Amino acid sequence: MNGTNGTCNTWKRSCTKAVFAMVICLCVGSSGALADEKDVSFRTEDGWTIHATLTMPDNPAGKSPAVIFLPSFEHDRAAYGVYRDPGPGRGQYPGIAPEVSKRGVATLRLDLRGRGKSTGARDLHSFTEEELSRIYLDVRAAISFLALQSGIDADRIGLVAAGASADAAVLGWNGDRRIKAITLLSGRLGDAAKKRLAANPEIPMLLLVSGEDRPGFTDMTEAYFSSKSSETNIEVFDGLGVGTWMLSLYRVRYPNEKPLHEQIGVWMAEKLLDAGRLSEVAFDTEDGWKIHANLRIPQGSDGKYPAVILLHSGLSDRYAYSELEISLARAGLAVLNIDWRGKGASTNKGKYFDLTRVERDVGHLDVKAAVAFLSTQPGVDSSRIGVLGTVLGARYAMAALAEEPRIKTGVVLTGYIPTEKEKAYLTTHNVPVLYVTSRGHGPVTKALTEMHQLTRDKGSELITYDGGAIGYQLFKLDKTLSGRVVHWLQENLNK
């Protein structure tokens, strides 16, 4: 937002971070009409039926991210729909939810328990403190509801709340990694909510409050200073009132500025769309397996992106890479995250551990089929493909790399010993590999150390950890590893 025309005072974190200006130009999504708006309902774990409006964007390609809207305790779901100017004529204009939807993001506007159509035995205004403390269950139920919708990407959800519902929003989020951004208008936060934010400081937040709203000002500034995300912004206004009323008054007071509801919509949509657009896909291998996968393509450009194929371990499925999948897309890489043969949804010929050794040993055919599938995707540059695998997944990835020249780099997350064929290929071709291992796995670490020494001139690197952690466990033990892996793939696929 603009901090030079007197419309607001922006607080800045001294010596630790500056407030990042809100982006008000978004190069993704469409401004077309909304295609699907319907009333829905779902149950909370303590028995309330919550009514809401679900709006899906017009003609989405693949699954859409979504934003859950929680009105203040004084309002119902209409608070985020159409607004009226407070001046003469009281003209109508779209609110935050339509601004989000027209950018390709679904919205779910709630009537909180005791408000609107969600009124049960008692109205919200008569709730006891204990009853008010359970409103966060509405948020948890809304997240679960969205996760069941076929057109929603449940790994990309945002929360918008006003007034006292901000406390319920934060408690309902509780660090859930499916929530990617939070916007609070004049938010009120209790001690428990503040502790949740302090315990999960990486969540991007947009915090808006008027200086005269002393309780909101205190809570929003405390939330801001607890954040470690460079994408967290706070905007402190002069004399705009409280909650969604700020949106209307801003429009009247500053008619030449971009409306506040539009700025909020752009910020929230940007935070969700930069993780790329997700589609569930399937393709066939040459030996008859139907391989199911997540295909995530970055948004914001009509160009072609390099791609990474992710291969899980033998004891998991593609969802082990949910966070890495999004991180890669944010780095500008297309991602094909597969369930390889016999795992996850790819079981048309049986479960993995019921297969013969012969059929298990040719799992690299799944990777070769994945490369062929990527070559058919208009947003993918199939001449720049990387592979990443853990244990058995690493074995399949590297076997395919030694046969498929379109694979330009690889990442091995422990548990893999190269074959003679793979050694010969890697020592004679310029295909850099990042080897990650733990000293507790002696034979593997010895083999990967030797392989690294043989291929250092090709650009390969080795990361060795103490202890015996394997595969995905290393991401939990070393919070920097995911970023190092993403940077490695980004750098080597953009050469």
Protein backbone atom coordinates (compact mmCIF):
# COMPACT_ATOMS: atom_id res chain seq x y z
CA MET A 1 0.00 0.00 0.00
CA ASN A 2 1.03 3.61 -0.38
CA GLY A 3 2.76 5.08 2.63
CA THR A 4 3.66 8.42 1.03
CA ASN A 5 0.28 10.10 0.63
CA GLY A 6 -0.82 10.19 4.24
CA THR A 7 -3.36 7.39 3.92
CA CYS A 8 -1.62 5.19 6.48
CA ASN A 9 1.32 4.86 8.79
CA THR A 10 3.38 1.72 8.18
CA TRP A 11 5.21 0.29 11.17
CA LYS A 12 8.66 -1.11 10.44
CA ARG A 13 10.60 -3.71 12.37
CA SER A 14 13.79 -2.04 13.54
CA CYS A 15 17.06 -3.76 12.46
CA THR A 16 15.32 -7.05 11.62
CA LYS A 17 13.10 -6.47 8.60
CA ALA A 18 11.31 -3.76 6.69
CA VAL A 19 7.67 -3.91 5.84
CA PHE A 20 7.32 -5.10 2.28
CA ALA A 21 5.01 -3.01 0.13
CA MET A 22 1.87 -4.79 -0.90
CA VAL A 23 1.92 -5.88 -4.51
CA ILE A 24 -0.99 -4.32 -6.33
CA CYS A 25 -0.36 -5.68 -9.78
CA LEU A 26 -0.95 -9.40 -10.27
CA CYS A 27 -0.05 -11.07 -13.55
CA VAL A 28 -2.02 -14.26 -13.04
CA GLY A 29 -5.65 -15.30 -13.01
CA SER A 30 -8.54 -13.91 -14.98
CA SER A 31 -11.11 -11.22 -14.36
CA GLY A 32 -13.98 -13.21 -15.83
CA ALA A 33 -17.38 -13.78 -14.30
CA LEU A 34 -17.87 -16.24 -11.50
CA ALA A 35 -19.10 -19.57 -12.78
CA ASP A 36 -20.30 -21.40 -9.71
CA GLU A 37 -21.65 -20.00 -6.43
CA LYS A 38 -23.69 -22.20 -4.14
CA ASP A 39 -24.83 -22.59 -0.56
CA VAL A 40 -23.10 -25.42 1.29
CA SER A 41 -23.06 -26.76 4.82
CA PHE A 42 -20.85 -29.01 6.94
CA ARG A 43 -20.66 -30.26 10.51
CA THR A 44 -18.14 -29.33 13.18
CA GLU A 45 -16.68 -31.94 15.50
CA ASP A 46 -18.86 -30.66 18.35
CA GLY A 47 -22.09 -30.91 16.38
CA TRP A 48 -22.80 -27.48 14.87
CA THR A 49 -23.99 -27.22 11.27
CA ILE A 50 -22.12 -24.39 9.57
CA HIS A 51 -23.67 -22.78 6.50
CA ALA A 52 -21.50 -21.04 3.93
CA THR A 53 -21.24 -19.79 0.35
CA LEU A 54 -18.73 -21.63 -1.84
CA THR A 55 -17.65 -19.80 -4.99
CA MET A 56 -15.50 -21.51 -7.59
CA PRO A 57 -13.56 -19.43 -10.17
CA ASP A 58 -14.58 -19.40 -13.79
CA ASN A 59 -13.08 -22.24 -15.87
CA PRO A 60 -10.12 -23.11 -13.62
CA ALA A 61 -7.42 -25.25 -15.21
CA GLY A 62 -6.79 -27.88 -12.59
CA LYS A 63 -7.48 -27.43 -8.88
CA SER A 64 -7.94 -24.00 -7.36
CA PRO A 65 -6.59 -22.67 -4.08
CA ALA A 66 -9.23 -21.35 -1.68
CA VAL A 67 -9.77 -18.66 0.95
CA ILE A 68 -11.97 -19.10 4.02
CA PHE A 69 -13.68 -15.89 5.16
CA LEU A 70 -14.71 -15.43 8.79
CA PRO A 71 -16.87 -12.36 9.51
CA SER A 72 -16.75 -10.52 12.81
CA PHE A 73 -19.12 -11.68 15.53
CA GLU A 74 -21.51 -8.83 14.60
CA HIS A 75 -21.83 -9.85 10.93
CA ASP A 76 -22.67 -12.82 8.74
CA ARG A 77 -21.04 -14.04 5.51
CA ALA A 78 -22.44 -11.10 3.51
CA ALA A 79 -19.77 -8.88 5.08
CA TYR A 80 -17.26 -10.02 2.44
CA GLY A 81 -19.58 -9.83 -0.55
CA VAL A 82 -20.92 -6.55 -1.96
CA TYR A 83 -20.26 -3.25 -0.16
CA ARG A 84 -21.96 0.13 -0.28
CA ASP A 85 -20.30 3.53 -0.14
CA PRO A 86 -21.25 5.41 3.02
CA GLY A 87 -21.86 8.62 1.05
CA PRO A 88 -24.87 9.90 -0.97
CA GLY A 89 -26.27 7.38 -3.41
CA ARG A 90 -24.60 4.48 -1.58
CA GLY A 91 -23.25 2.85 -4.71
CA GLN A 92 -22.38 -0.84 -4.64
CA TYR A 93 -18.99 -2.36 -5.39
CA PRO A 94 -17.43 -5.82 -5.02
CA GLY A 95 -15.88 -6.82 -1.71
CA ILE A 96 -12.80 -8.87 -0.84
CA ALA A 97 -14.29 -12.26 -1.76
CA PRO A 98 -15.17 -11.30 -5.37
CA GLU A 99 -11.73 -9.71 -5.77
CA VAL A 100 -10.13 -12.99 -4.72
CA SER A 101 -12.43 -15.16 -6.85
CA LYS A 102 -11.87 -13.26 -10.08
CA ARG A 103 -8.15 -13.99 -9.78
CA GLY A 104 -8.68 -17.74 -9.97
CA VAL A 105 -9.11 -18.54 -6.26
CA ALA A 106 -12.15 -20.24 -4.70
CA THR A 107 -13.81 -18.64 -1.67
CA LEU A 108 -15.76 -20.08 1.25
CA ARG A 109 -17.68 -17.41 3.21
CA LEU A 110 -18.94 -18.68 6.56
CA ASP A 111 -21.85 -17.92 8.83
CA LEU A 112 -20.14 -18.64 12.14
CA ARG A 113 -22.06 -20.70 14.69
CA GLY A 114 -24.86 -18.62 16.14
CA ARG A 115 -24.96 -16.21 13.17
CA GLY A 116 -26.90 -16.13 9.88
CA LYS A 117 -28.13 -19.56 8.81
CA SER A 118 -25.77 -21.24 11.29
CA THR A 119 -27.98 -20.32 14.22
CA GLY A 120 -28.67 -23.30 16.45
CA ALA A 121 -30.22 -23.45 19.89
CA ARG A 122 -28.53 -20.17 20.84
CA ASP A 123 -27.41 -17.00 19.08
CA LEU A 124 -23.76 -16.04 19.16
CA HIS A 125 -24.51 -12.86 21.13
CA SER A 126 -25.68 -15.01 24.06
CA PHE A 127 -22.69 -17.40 24.07
CA THR A 128 -20.72 -17.90 27.25
CA GLU A 129 -16.93 -17.42 27.20
CA GLU A 130 -16.54 -21.19 27.00
CA GLU A 131 -18.89 -21.39 24.00
CA LEU A 132 -17.07 -18.53 22.28
CA SER A 133 -13.77 -20.37 22.80
CA ARG A 134 -15.01 -23.22 20.57
CA ILE A 135 -15.68 -21.13 17.45
CA TYR A 136 -12.25 -22.18 16.17
CA LEU A 137 -13.85 -25.57 15.46
CA ASP A 138 -15.81 -23.86 12.65
CA VAL A 139 -12.48 -23.06 11.01
CA ARG A 140 -11.19 -26.60 11.37
CA ALA A 141 -14.41 -27.96 9.88
CA ALA A 142 -14.16 -25.51 6.97
CA ILE A 143 -10.61 -26.66 6.20
CA SER A 144 -11.74 -30.29 6.29
CA PHE A 145 -14.71 -29.47 4.03
CA LEU A 146 -12.46 -27.84 1.42
CA ALA A 147 -10.11 -30.82 1.50
CA LEU A 148 -12.99 -33.01 0.30
CA GLN A 149 -13.89 -30.82 -2.69
CA SER A 150 -12.64 -32.23 -5.99
CA GLY A 151 -11.88 -28.82 -7.49
CA ILE A 152 -9.91 -27.48 -4.52
CA ASP A 153 -6.17 -27.69 -3.94
CA ALA A 154 -6.28 -28.31 -0.18
CA ASP A 155 -2.56 -27.54 0.16
CA ARG A 156 -3.24 -23.89 -0.75
CA ILE A 157 -5.75 -22.33 1.65
CA GLY A 158 -5.89 -18.79 3.03
CA LEU A 159 -7.80 -17.33 5.98
CA VAL A 160 -9.42 -13.89 6.25
CA ALA A 161 -10.98 -12.81 9.55
CA ALA A 162 -12.23 -9.63 11.17
CA GLY A 163 -12.52 -8.55 14.79
CA ALA A 164 -12.92 -11.29 17.37
CA SER A 165 -13.07 -14.00 14.69
CA ALA A 166 -9.32 -13.45 14.19
CA ASP A 167 -8.77 -15.40 17.41
CA ALA A 168 -10.83 -18.32 16.07
CA ALA A 169 -8.97 -18.16 12.75
CA VAL A 170 -5.55 -18.46 14.39
CA LEU A 171 -6.63 -21.20 16.80
CA GLY A 172 -8.31 -23.12 13.98
CA TRP A 173 -5.18 -22.81 11.84
CA ASN A 174 -2.87 -23.98 14.65
CA GLY A 175 0.12 -24.25 12.34
CA ASP A 176 -1.68 -26.38 9.72
CA ARG A 177 0.69 -26.30 6.74
CA ARG A 178 -2.21 -26.33 4.29
CA ILE A 179 -2.82 -22.72 5.32
CA LYS A 180 -0.47 -20.54 3.30
CA ALA A 181 -1.52 -16.98 4.29
CA ILE A 182 -3.66 -15.12 6.83
CA THR A 183 -5.31 -11.68 6.66
CA LEU A 184 -6.70 -10.09 9.83
CA LEU A 185 -8.76 -6.89 9.91
CA SER A 186 -8.83 -5.18 13.33
CA GLY A 187 -8.13 -8.60 14.80
CA ARG A 188 -8.58 -9.46 18.46
CA LEU A 189 -6.24 -12.18 19.70
CA GLY A 190 -6.16 -14.01 23.02
CA ASP A 191 -3.02 -15.31 24.69
CA ALA A 192 -3.43 -18.80 23.19
CA ALA A 193 -3.69 -17.39 19.65
CA LYS A 194 -0.63 -15.20 20.17
CA LYS A 195 1.33 -18.22 21.35
CA ARG A 196 0.29 -20.14 18.20
CA LEU A 197 1.59 -17.33 16.01
CA ALA A 198 4.85 -17.14 17.96
CA ALA A 199 5.29 -20.91 17.60
CA ASN A 200 4.72 -20.75 13.81
CA PRO A 201 6.38 -17.47 12.78
CA GLU A 202 6.83 -18.27 9.09
CA ILE A 203 3.17 -17.86 8.06
CA PRO A 204 2.72 -14.73 5.87
CA MET A 205 0.20 -12.32 7.38
CA LEU A 206 -1.48 -9.12 6.22
CA LEU A 207 -2.61 -7.15 9.28
CA LEU A 208 -4.82 -4.07 8.97
CA VAL A 209 -5.97 -1.79 11.80
CA SER A 210 -6.85 1.82 12.58
CA GLY A 211 -4.75 3.67 15.13
CA GLU A 212 -7.80 4.69 17.16
CA ASP A 213 -8.75 1.00 17.60
CA ARG A 214 -6.51 0.51 20.62
CA PRO A 215 -7.30 -3.17 21.36
CA GLY A 216 -6.91 -4.11 17.69
CA PHE A 217 -3.79 -1.98 17.36
CA THR A 218 -2.17 -3.73 20.34
CA ASP A 219 -2.96 -7.24 19.08
CA MET A 220 -2.08 -6.62 15.43
CA THR A 221 1.28 -5.01 16.21
CA GLU A 222 2.12 -7.84 18.61
CA ALA A 223 1.25 -10.36 15.88
CA TYR A 224 3.41 -8.46 13.42
CA PHE A 225 6.48 -8.41 15.64
CA SER A 226 6.13 -12.15 16.34
CA SER A 227 6.36 -12.93 12.61
CA LYS A 228 9.59 -13.92 10.89
CA SER A 229 8.13 -13.95 7.39
CA SER A 230 9.44 -11.29 5.04
CA GLU A 231 6.01 -11.36 3.40
CA THR A 232 4.19 -10.23 6.55
CA ASN A 233 2.81 -6.67 6.28
CA ILE A 234 1.05 -4.41 8.74
CA GLU A 235 -0.90 -1.31 7.75
CA VAL A 236 -1.99 1.18 10.42
CA PHE A 237 -4.57 3.70 9.22
CA ASP A 238 -5.72 7.00 10.63
CA GLY A 239 -9.43 7.23 11.40
CA LEU A 240 -10.83 4.39 9.27
CA GLY A 241 -12.78 2.68 12.03
CA VAL A 242 -12.91 -1.05 12.69
CA GLY A 243 -13.12 -4.25 10.63
CA THR A 244 -14.74 -4.32 7.19
CA TRP A 245 -15.98 -0.75 7.69
CA MET A 246 -12.40 0.30 6.88
CA LEU A 247 -12.92 -0.94 3.32
CA SER A 248 -15.86 1.36 2.63
CA LEU A 249 -14.40 4.41 4.34
CA TYR A 250 -11.05 4.01 2.57
CA ARG A 251 -12.82 4.04 -0.79
CA VAL A 252 -14.62 7.29 0.00
CA ARG A 253 -11.70 9.03 1.70
CA TYR A 254 -9.14 8.08 -0.95
CA PRO A 255 -11.05 7.83 -4.26
CA ASN A 256 -7.88 8.08 -6.34
CA GLU A 257 -6.17 5.15 -4.62
CA LYS A 258 -6.63 1.49 -5.47
CA PRO A 259 -9.51 0.33 -3.23
CA LEU A 260 -8.44 -1.39 -0.04
CA HIS A 261 -10.58 -4.47 -0.68
CA GLU A 262 -8.84 -4.91 -4.04
CA GLN A 263 -5.39 -4.56 -2.49
CA ILE A 264 -6.27 -7.24 0.07
CA GLY A 265 -7.66 -9.52 -2.65
CA VAL A 266 -4.51 -9.15 -4.71
CA TRP A 267 -2.23 -9.87 -1.73
CA MET A 268 -4.11 -12.99 -0.72
CA ALA A 269 -4.44 -14.34 -4.27
CA GLU A 270 -0.75 -13.78 -4.91
CA LYS A 271 0.27 -15.75 -1.82
CA LEU A 272 -1.84 -18.73 -2.92
CA LEU A 273 -1.23 -18.67 -6.66
CA ASP A 274 2.56 -18.53 -6.47
CA ALA A 275 2.50 -22.23 -5.51
CA GLY A 276 1.38 -23.09 -9.05
CA ARG A 277 -1.74 -24.75 -10.40
CA LEU A 278 -2.31 -28.36 -9.41
CA SER A 279 -3.83 -31.09 -11.59
CA GLU A 280 -4.23 -34.79 -10.87
CA VAL A 281 -2.95 -36.73 -13.86
CA ALA A 282 -2.30 -40.31 -14.94
CA PHE A 283 -0.20 -41.87 -17.70
CA ASP A 284 0.78 -45.39 -18.82
CA THR A 285 4.13 -47.15 -18.70
CA GLU A 286 5.37 -49.41 -21.49
CA ASP A 287 4.70 -52.48 -19.31
CA GLY A 288 1.08 -51.62 -18.51
CA TRP A 289 1.12 -49.65 -15.26
CA LYS A 290 -1.19 -46.65 -14.83
CA ILE A 291 0.85 -44.10 -12.88
CA HIS A 292 -1.03 -41.43 -10.94
CA ALA A 293 0.60 -38.12 -10.04
CA ASN A 294 0.27 -34.49 -9.06
CA LEU A 295 1.25 -32.10 -11.84
CA ARG A 296 1.96 -28.61 -10.55
CA ILE A 297 2.75 -25.87 -13.07
CA PRO A 298 3.95 -22.39 -11.97
CA GLN A 299 1.61 -19.52 -12.80
CA GLY A 300 2.33 -16.07 -14.13
CA SER A 301 3.89 -16.70 -17.52
CA ASP A 302 3.08 -18.34 -20.83
CA GLY A 303 6.59 -19.71 -21.18
CA LYS A 304 7.84 -23.25 -20.65
CA TYR A 305 9.25 -24.34 -17.32
CA PRO A 306 11.92 -26.91 -16.51
CA ALA A 307 10.45 -29.83 -14.56
CA VAL A 308 11.27 -32.09 -11.63
CA ILE A 309 10.00 -35.64 -11.14
CA LEU A 310 9.63 -36.64 -7.49
CA LEU A 311 9.89 -40.28 -6.40
CA HIS A 312 8.96 -41.25 -2.84
CA SER A 313 10.38 -44.15 -0.82
CA GLY A 314 8.97 -47.69 -0.66
CA LEU A 315 7.10 -46.97 2.58
CA SER A 316 5.26 -43.84 1.48
CA ASP A 317 3.53 -42.22 -1.48
CA ARG A 318 3.58 -38.90 -3.34
CA TYR A 319 2.11 -36.97 -0.38
CA ALA A 320 5.41 -37.29 1.48
CA TYR A 321 6.60 -34.49 -0.82
CA SER A 322 3.63 -32.10 -0.36
CA GLU A 323 5.72 -29.21 0.97
CA LEU A 324 8.67 -29.78 -1.36
CA GLU A 325 6.28 -29.92 -4.31
CA ILE A 326 5.01 -26.42 -3.53
CA SER A 327 8.47 -25.04 -2.80
CA LEU A 328 9.70 -26.21 -6.21
CA ALA A 329 6.73 -24.59 -7.98
CA ARG A 330 7.38 -21.34 -6.15
CA ALA A 331 10.94 -21.49 -7.46
CA GLY A 332 9.63 -21.58 -11.04
CA LEU A 333 9.85 -25.33 -11.65
CA ALA A 334 7.08 -27.58 -12.92
CA VAL A 335 6.65 -30.64 -10.68
CA LEU A 336 5.42 -34.16 -11.45
CA ASN A 337 5.05 -35.90 -8.09
CA ILE A 338 4.22 -39.54 -8.83
CA ASP A 339 2.93 -42.61 -7.03
CA TRP A 340 5.23 -45.20 -8.56
CA ARG A 341 4.06 -48.75 -9.36
CA GLY A 342 2.16 -50.48 -6.59
CA LYS A 343 2.05 -47.40 -4.33
CA GLY A 344 -0.61 -44.81 -3.58
CA ALA A 345 -3.18 -44.70 -6.38
CA SER A 346 -0.93 -46.56 -8.87
CA THR A 347 -2.14 -50.07 -8.10
CA ASN A 348 -3.90 -51.20 -11.29
CA LYS A 349 -1.59 -54.25 -11.41
CA GLY A 350 -1.29 -54.86 -7.67
CA LYS A 351 0.31 -53.61 -4.45
CA TYR A 352 4.05 -53.05 -4.47
CA PHE A 353 5.05 -55.68 -1.92
CA ASP A 354 2.92 -58.31 -3.66
CA LEU A 355 4.79 -57.87 -6.95
CA THR A 356 7.48 -60.18 -8.25
CA ARG A 357 11.07 -59.02 -7.98
CA VAL A 358 11.24 -58.77 -11.76
CA GLU A 359 8.38 -56.28 -11.85
CA ARG A 360 9.75 -54.29 -8.91
CA ASP A 361 13.20 -54.11 -10.47
CA VAL A 362 11.96 -52.22 -13.54
CA GLY A 363 10.37 -49.37 -11.62
CA HIS A 364 12.56 -46.96 -13.57
CA LEU A 365 10.09 -47.48 -16.44
CA ASP A 366 7.69 -45.32 -14.39
CA VAL A 367 10.22 -42.50 -14.53
CA LYS A 368 10.76 -42.87 -18.26
CA ALA A 369 6.99 -42.77 -18.76
CA ALA A 370 6.90 -39.64 -16.59
CA VAL A 371 9.48 -37.98 -18.86
CA ALA A 372 7.42 -38.92 -21.92
CA PHE A 373 4.28 -37.51 -20.26
CA LEU A 374 6.01 -34.22 -19.45
CA SER A 375 7.02 -33.89 -23.09
CA THR A 376 3.30 -33.61 -23.96
CA GLN A 377 2.62 -30.74 -21.55
CA PRO A 378 2.56 -27.29 -23.18
CA GLY A 379 3.94 -25.54 -20.09
CA VAL A 380 6.96 -27.83 -19.70
CA ASP A 381 10.39 -27.70 -21.30
CA SER A 382 11.02 -31.45 -21.61
CA SER A 383 14.66 -30.89 -22.53
CA ARG A 384 15.29 -29.72 -18.94
CA ILE A 385 14.11 -32.36 -16.48
CA GLY A 386 15.45 -33.26 -13.06
CA VAL A 387 14.71 -36.25 -10.83
CA LEU A 388 14.67 -36.56 -7.05
CA GLY A 389 14.24 -39.81 -5.18
CA THR A 390 14.48 -41.34 -1.73
CA VAL A 391 15.86 -44.88 -1.20
CA LEU A 392 13.94 -47.07 -3.73
CA GLY A 393 12.73 -43.90 -5.39
CA ALA A 394 16.35 -42.81 -5.77
CA ARG A 395 17.19 -46.17 -7.32
CA TYR A 396 14.44 -45.76 -9.93
CA ALA A 397 15.35 -42.13 -10.55
CA MET A 398 19.01 -42.84 -11.20
CA ALA A 399 18.35 -45.91 -13.34
CA ALA A 400 16.14 -43.77 -15.57
CA LEU A 401 18.70 -40.95 -15.60
CA ALA A 402 21.26 -43.35 -17.07
CA GLU A 403 18.90 -44.13 -19.98
CA GLU A 404 17.06 -40.85 -20.62
CA PRO A 405 19.13 -37.94 -22.01
CA ARG A 406 16.37 -35.41 -21.26
CA ILE A 407 17.12 -35.82 -17.54
CA LYS A 408 19.78 -33.19 -16.84
CA THR A 409 20.29 -33.47 -13.08
CA GLY A 410 19.35 -35.55 -10.07
CA VAL A 411 19.04 -35.49 -6.27
CA VAL A 412 19.57 -38.62 -4.16
CA LEU A 413 18.07 -38.53 -0.65
CA THR A 414 19.94 -41.44 1.01
CA GLY A 415 19.60 -45.21 0.63
CA TYR A 416 21.04 -45.63 -2.88
CA ILE A 417 24.13 -47.44 -4.17
CA PRO A 418 24.97 -46.80 -7.85
CA THR A 419 25.16 -49.70 -10.30
CA GLU A 420 28.10 -50.11 -12.67
CA LYS A 421 25.92 -48.90 -15.52
CA GLU A 422 25.03 -45.74 -13.64
CA LYS A 423 28.65 -45.15 -12.63
CA ALA A 424 29.73 -45.41 -16.26
CA TYR A 425 27.03 -42.96 -17.38
CA LEU A 426 27.64 -40.38 -14.66
CA THR A 427 31.41 -40.38 -15.13
CA THR A 428 31.12 -39.81 -18.89
CA HIS A 429 28.20 -37.35 -19.07
CA ASN A 430 27.81 -33.85 -17.66
CA VAL A 431 24.87 -34.67 -15.41
CA PRO A 432 25.45 -33.17 -11.93
CA VAL A 433 23.94 -35.02 -8.97
CA LEU A 434 23.37 -33.85 -5.41
CA TYR A 435 24.05 -36.78 -3.07
CA VAL A 436 22.55 -36.55 0.44
CA THR A 437 23.37 -39.23 3.00
CA SER A 438 23.92 -39.97 6.71
CA ARG A 439 27.04 -41.50 8.23
CA GLY A 440 24.93 -44.07 10.06
CA HIS A 441 24.37 -45.84 6.70
CA GLY A 442 27.94 -46.99 6.18
CA PRO A 443 27.84 -48.83 2.82
CA VAL A 444 25.56 -46.22 1.24
CA THR A 445 27.63 -43.29 2.48
CA LYS A 446 30.85 -44.95 1.30
CA ALA A 447 29.38 -45.58 -2.17
CA LEU A 448 27.98 -42.06 -2.53
CA THR A 449 31.21 -40.49 -1.30
CA GLU A 450 33.16 -42.43 -3.92
CA MET A 451 30.60 -41.48 -6.59
CA HIS A 452 30.91 -37.84 -5.64
CA GLN A 453 34.69 -37.99 -5.94
CA LEU A 454 34.38 -39.52 -9.41
CA THR A 455 31.95 -36.85 -10.63
CA ARG A 456 33.01 -33.66 -8.89
CA ASP A 457 34.27 -32.36 -12.21
CA LYS A 458 30.72 -32.76 -13.56
CA GLY A 459 29.38 -30.42 -10.86
CA SER A 460 28.15 -33.04 -8.39
CA GLU A 461 27.95 -32.24 -4.67
CA LEU A 462 27.73 -34.28 -1.46
CA ILE A 463 25.95 -33.50 1.82
CA THR A 464 26.70 -35.88 4.68
CA TYR A 465 24.88 -35.77 8.03
CA ASP A 466 25.81 -37.31 11.34
CA GLY A 467 23.50 -40.00 12.73
CA GLY A 468 21.19 -42.39 10.95
CA ALA A 469 18.31 -40.26 9.64
CA ILE A 470 17.06 -41.23 6.21
CA GLY A 471 15.10 -39.58 3.43
CA TYR A 472 12.35 -37.17 4.47
CA GLN A 473 13.54 -37.29 8.11
CA LEU A 474 16.44 -35.08 7.10
CA PHE A 475 14.05 -32.25 6.15
CA LYS A 476 12.82 -32.22 9.74
CA LEU A 477 16.29 -32.34 11.27
CA ASP A 478 17.76 -29.69 8.99
CA LYS A 479 15.30 -26.92 8.14
CA THR A 480 17.69 -25.55 5.51
CA LEU A 481 17.90 -28.76 3.47
CA SER A 482 14.69 -28.23 1.52
CA GLY A 483 15.87 -24.80 0.40
CA ARG A 484 19.27 -26.20 -0.60
CA VAL A 485 17.62 -28.93 -2.68
CA VAL A 486 15.29 -26.45 -4.38
CA HIS A 487 18.18 -24.10 -5.15
CA TRP A 488 20.24 -26.98 -6.52
CA LEU A 489 17.53 -28.05 -8.94
CA GLN A 490 16.66 -24.50 -9.91
CA GLU A 491 20.28 -23.65 -10.63
CA ASN A 492 21.10 -26.79 -12.61
CA LEU A 493 17.91 -26.80 -14.66
CA ASN A 494 18.20 -23.14 -15.63
CA LYS A 495 21.73 -23.34 -17.00
